Amino acid sequence: MKSVLIILLMLAGFSAFSQNSSFAWYFEGNKQLYRKNYDAAIEAYNKAIEMDENADYAYFNRGNAKFEQKQYKSARLDYNKTILMNDEYAEAYFGRGRCKIFMGDIEGGCKDLKIAKKMEFRPAIYEMNEHCEKHR
């Protein structure tokens, strides 16, 4: 009986911890992003970032939610932040490249897509084929 009580206390403590963690808010944001509830996703990612300002994964997915809302300038800033924290985040170069392209900076966007391609992020190839004929 004592061991069951200890396990219950541990689970209660873990549950309380997880509800107040950056990862919990990040996963909530992912759930909302998947459901296309972009405002709710952004709000959850904001909370994740408040709890851990180095949460590159939360900045990245917040950028994705903003991109889906066609907030390209704001999304680009989140991708920039992601890249500053982790310059090997191929998906962030891809996202930033797409933002630049949709904002009219084809050359800059294609440069970012080329970086993502060099990092073997395959979707960059398709995006380059569509937008970057002159910039290869």
Protein backbone atom coordinates (compact mmCIF):
# COMPACT_ATOMS: atom_id res chain seq x y z
CA MET A 1 0.00 0.00 0.00
CA LYS A 2 2.85 2.35 0.84
CA SER A 3 4.42 1.84 -2.61
CA VAL A 4 1.09 2.65 -4.32
CA LEU A 5 0.87 5.87 -2.32
CA ILE A 6 4.42 6.81 -3.32
CA ILE A 7 3.66 6.13 -6.99
CA LEU A 8 0.48 8.23 -6.80
CA LEU A 9 2.39 11.08 -5.19
CA MET A 10 5.08 10.85 -7.86
CA LEU A 11 2.48 10.89 -10.63
CA ALA A 12 0.71 13.85 -9.04
CA GLY A 13 4.01 15.71 -8.81
CA PHE A 14 4.88 14.84 -12.39
CA SER A 15 1.45 15.96 -13.56
CA ALA A 16 1.78 19.29 -11.76
CA PHE A 17 5.26 19.73 -13.19
CA SER A 18 4.22 18.90 -16.73
CA GLN A 19 1.32 21.35 -16.65
CA ASN A 20 3.79 24.08 -15.82
CA SER A 21 6.52 23.16 -18.26
CA SER A 22 7.58 24.62 -21.55
CA PHE A 23 7.19 21.22 -23.17
CA ALA A 24 3.57 20.90 -22.00
CA TRP A 25 2.70 24.22 -23.64
CA TYR A 26 4.70 23.25 -26.72
CA PHE A 27 2.72 20.02 -27.09
CA GLU A 28 -0.52 21.92 -26.53
CA GLY A 29 0.55 24.28 -29.31
CA ASN A 30 1.28 21.32 -31.58
CA LYS A 31 -2.18 19.91 -30.87
CA GLN A 32 -3.78 23.24 -31.76
CA LEU A 33 -1.58 23.65 -34.85
CA TYR A 34 -2.63 20.20 -36.06
CA ARG A 35 -6.28 21.21 -35.56
CA LYS A 36 -5.61 24.46 -37.49
CA ASN A 37 -6.49 26.53 -34.42
CA TYR A 38 -3.64 28.91 -35.17
CA ASP A 39 -4.44 31.59 -32.60
CA ALA A 40 -4.63 28.98 -29.83
CA ALA A 41 -1.41 27.41 -31.08
CA ILE A 42 0.39 30.76 -31.02
CA GLU A 43 -0.88 31.42 -27.51
CA ALA A 44 0.41 28.05 -26.30
CA TYR A 45 3.80 28.59 -27.97
CA ASN A 46 3.97 32.03 -26.35
CA LYS A 47 3.55 30.37 -22.95
CA ALA A 48 6.21 27.80 -23.79
CA ILE A 49 8.62 30.60 -24.75
CA GLU A 50 7.79 32.56 -21.57
CA MET A 51 8.81 29.51 -19.56
CA ASP A 52 11.94 28.79 -21.62
CA GLU A 53 13.28 31.61 -23.77
CA ASN A 54 15.68 29.12 -25.41
CA ALA A 55 12.87 26.90 -26.70
CA ASP A 56 13.89 26.95 -30.36
CA TYR A 57 11.26 24.31 -31.13
CA ALA A 58 8.50 26.62 -29.81
CA TYR A 59 9.76 29.60 -31.83
CA PHE A 60 9.87 27.38 -34.92
CA ASN A 61 6.33 26.08 -34.58
CA ARG A 62 5.01 29.50 -33.63
CA GLY A 63 6.52 30.62 -36.92
CA ASN A 64 4.67 27.80 -38.66
CA ALA A 65 1.34 28.88 -37.13
CA LYS A 66 1.98 32.48 -38.16
CA PHE A 67 2.96 31.36 -41.65
CA GLU A 68 -0.37 29.55 -41.98
CA GLN A 69 -2.08 32.83 -41.09
CA LYS A 70 -0.03 34.58 -43.79
CA GLN A 71 1.79 36.65 -41.16
CA TYR A 72 5.01 36.21 -43.11
CA LYS A 73 7.02 39.03 -41.52
CA SER A 74 6.26 37.84 -37.99
CA ALA A 75 6.82 34.20 -38.93
CA ARG A 76 10.18 35.14 -40.46
CA LEU A 77 11.22 36.71 -37.16
CA ASP A 78 10.41 33.46 -35.34
CA TYR A 79 12.41 31.46 -37.87
CA ASN A 80 15.29 33.96 -37.47
CA LYS A 81 15.22 33.42 -33.70
CA THR A 82 15.19 29.64 -34.20
CA ILE A 83 18.23 29.83 -36.50
CA LEU A 84 20.09 32.10 -34.06
CA MET A 85 19.63 29.44 -31.38
CA ASN A 86 20.31 26.48 -33.65
CA ASP A 87 21.99 27.14 -36.97
CA GLU A 88 21.51 23.50 -38.02
CA TYR A 89 17.70 23.70 -37.95
CA ALA A 90 17.05 22.97 -41.63
CA GLU A 91 13.29 23.32 -41.29
CA ALA A 92 13.73 26.88 -39.98
CA TYR A 93 15.77 27.85 -43.06
CA PHE A 94 13.02 26.30 -45.16
CA GLY A 95 10.30 28.24 -43.36
CA ARG A 96 12.25 31.50 -43.48
CA GLY A 97 12.95 30.97 -47.17
CA ARG A 98 9.26 30.50 -47.92
CA CYS A 99 8.44 33.66 -45.94
CA LYS A 100 10.97 35.65 -47.90
CA ILE A 101 9.58 34.35 -51.19
CA PHE A 102 6.00 35.20 -50.23
CA MET A 103 7.18 38.65 -49.15
CA GLY A 104 8.80 39.24 -52.55
CA ASP A 105 12.45 38.52 -51.68
CA ILE A 106 12.91 35.64 -54.13
CA GLU A 107 16.71 35.78 -54.06
CA GLY A 108 16.90 35.75 -50.25
CA GLY A 109 14.28 33.03 -50.03
CA CYS A 110 16.10 30.86 -52.52
CA LYS A 111 19.35 31.25 -50.57
CA ASP A 112 17.61 29.93 -47.45
CA LEU A 113 16.02 27.08 -49.38
CA LYS A 114 19.44 26.18 -50.76
CA ILE A 115 20.80 25.97 -47.19
CA ALA A 116 17.91 23.71 -46.19
CA LYS A 117 18.56 21.57 -49.27
CA LYS A 118 22.26 21.23 -48.37
CA MET A 119 21.10 20.01 -44.95
CA GLU A 120 19.14 17.35 -46.84
CA PHE A 121 15.69 18.72 -46.03
CA ARG A 122 13.90 17.23 -49.04
CA PRO A 123 10.88 19.59 -49.21
CA ALA A 124 13.35 22.39 -50.02
CA ILE A 125 14.03 20.72 -53.38
CA TYR A 126 10.37 20.93 -54.39
CA GLU A 127 10.07 24.53 -53.23
CA MET A 128 13.23 25.45 -55.13
CA ASN A 129 11.86 23.82 -58.28
CA GLU A 130 8.78 25.98 -57.99
CA HIS A 131 10.38 29.34 -57.11
CA CYS A 132 14.10 29.37 -57.74
CA GLU A 133 14.88 28.62 -61.38
CA LYS A 134 17.14 31.70 -61.73
CA HIS A 135 18.79 31.32 -58.33
CA ARG A 136 20.34 27.87 -58.43
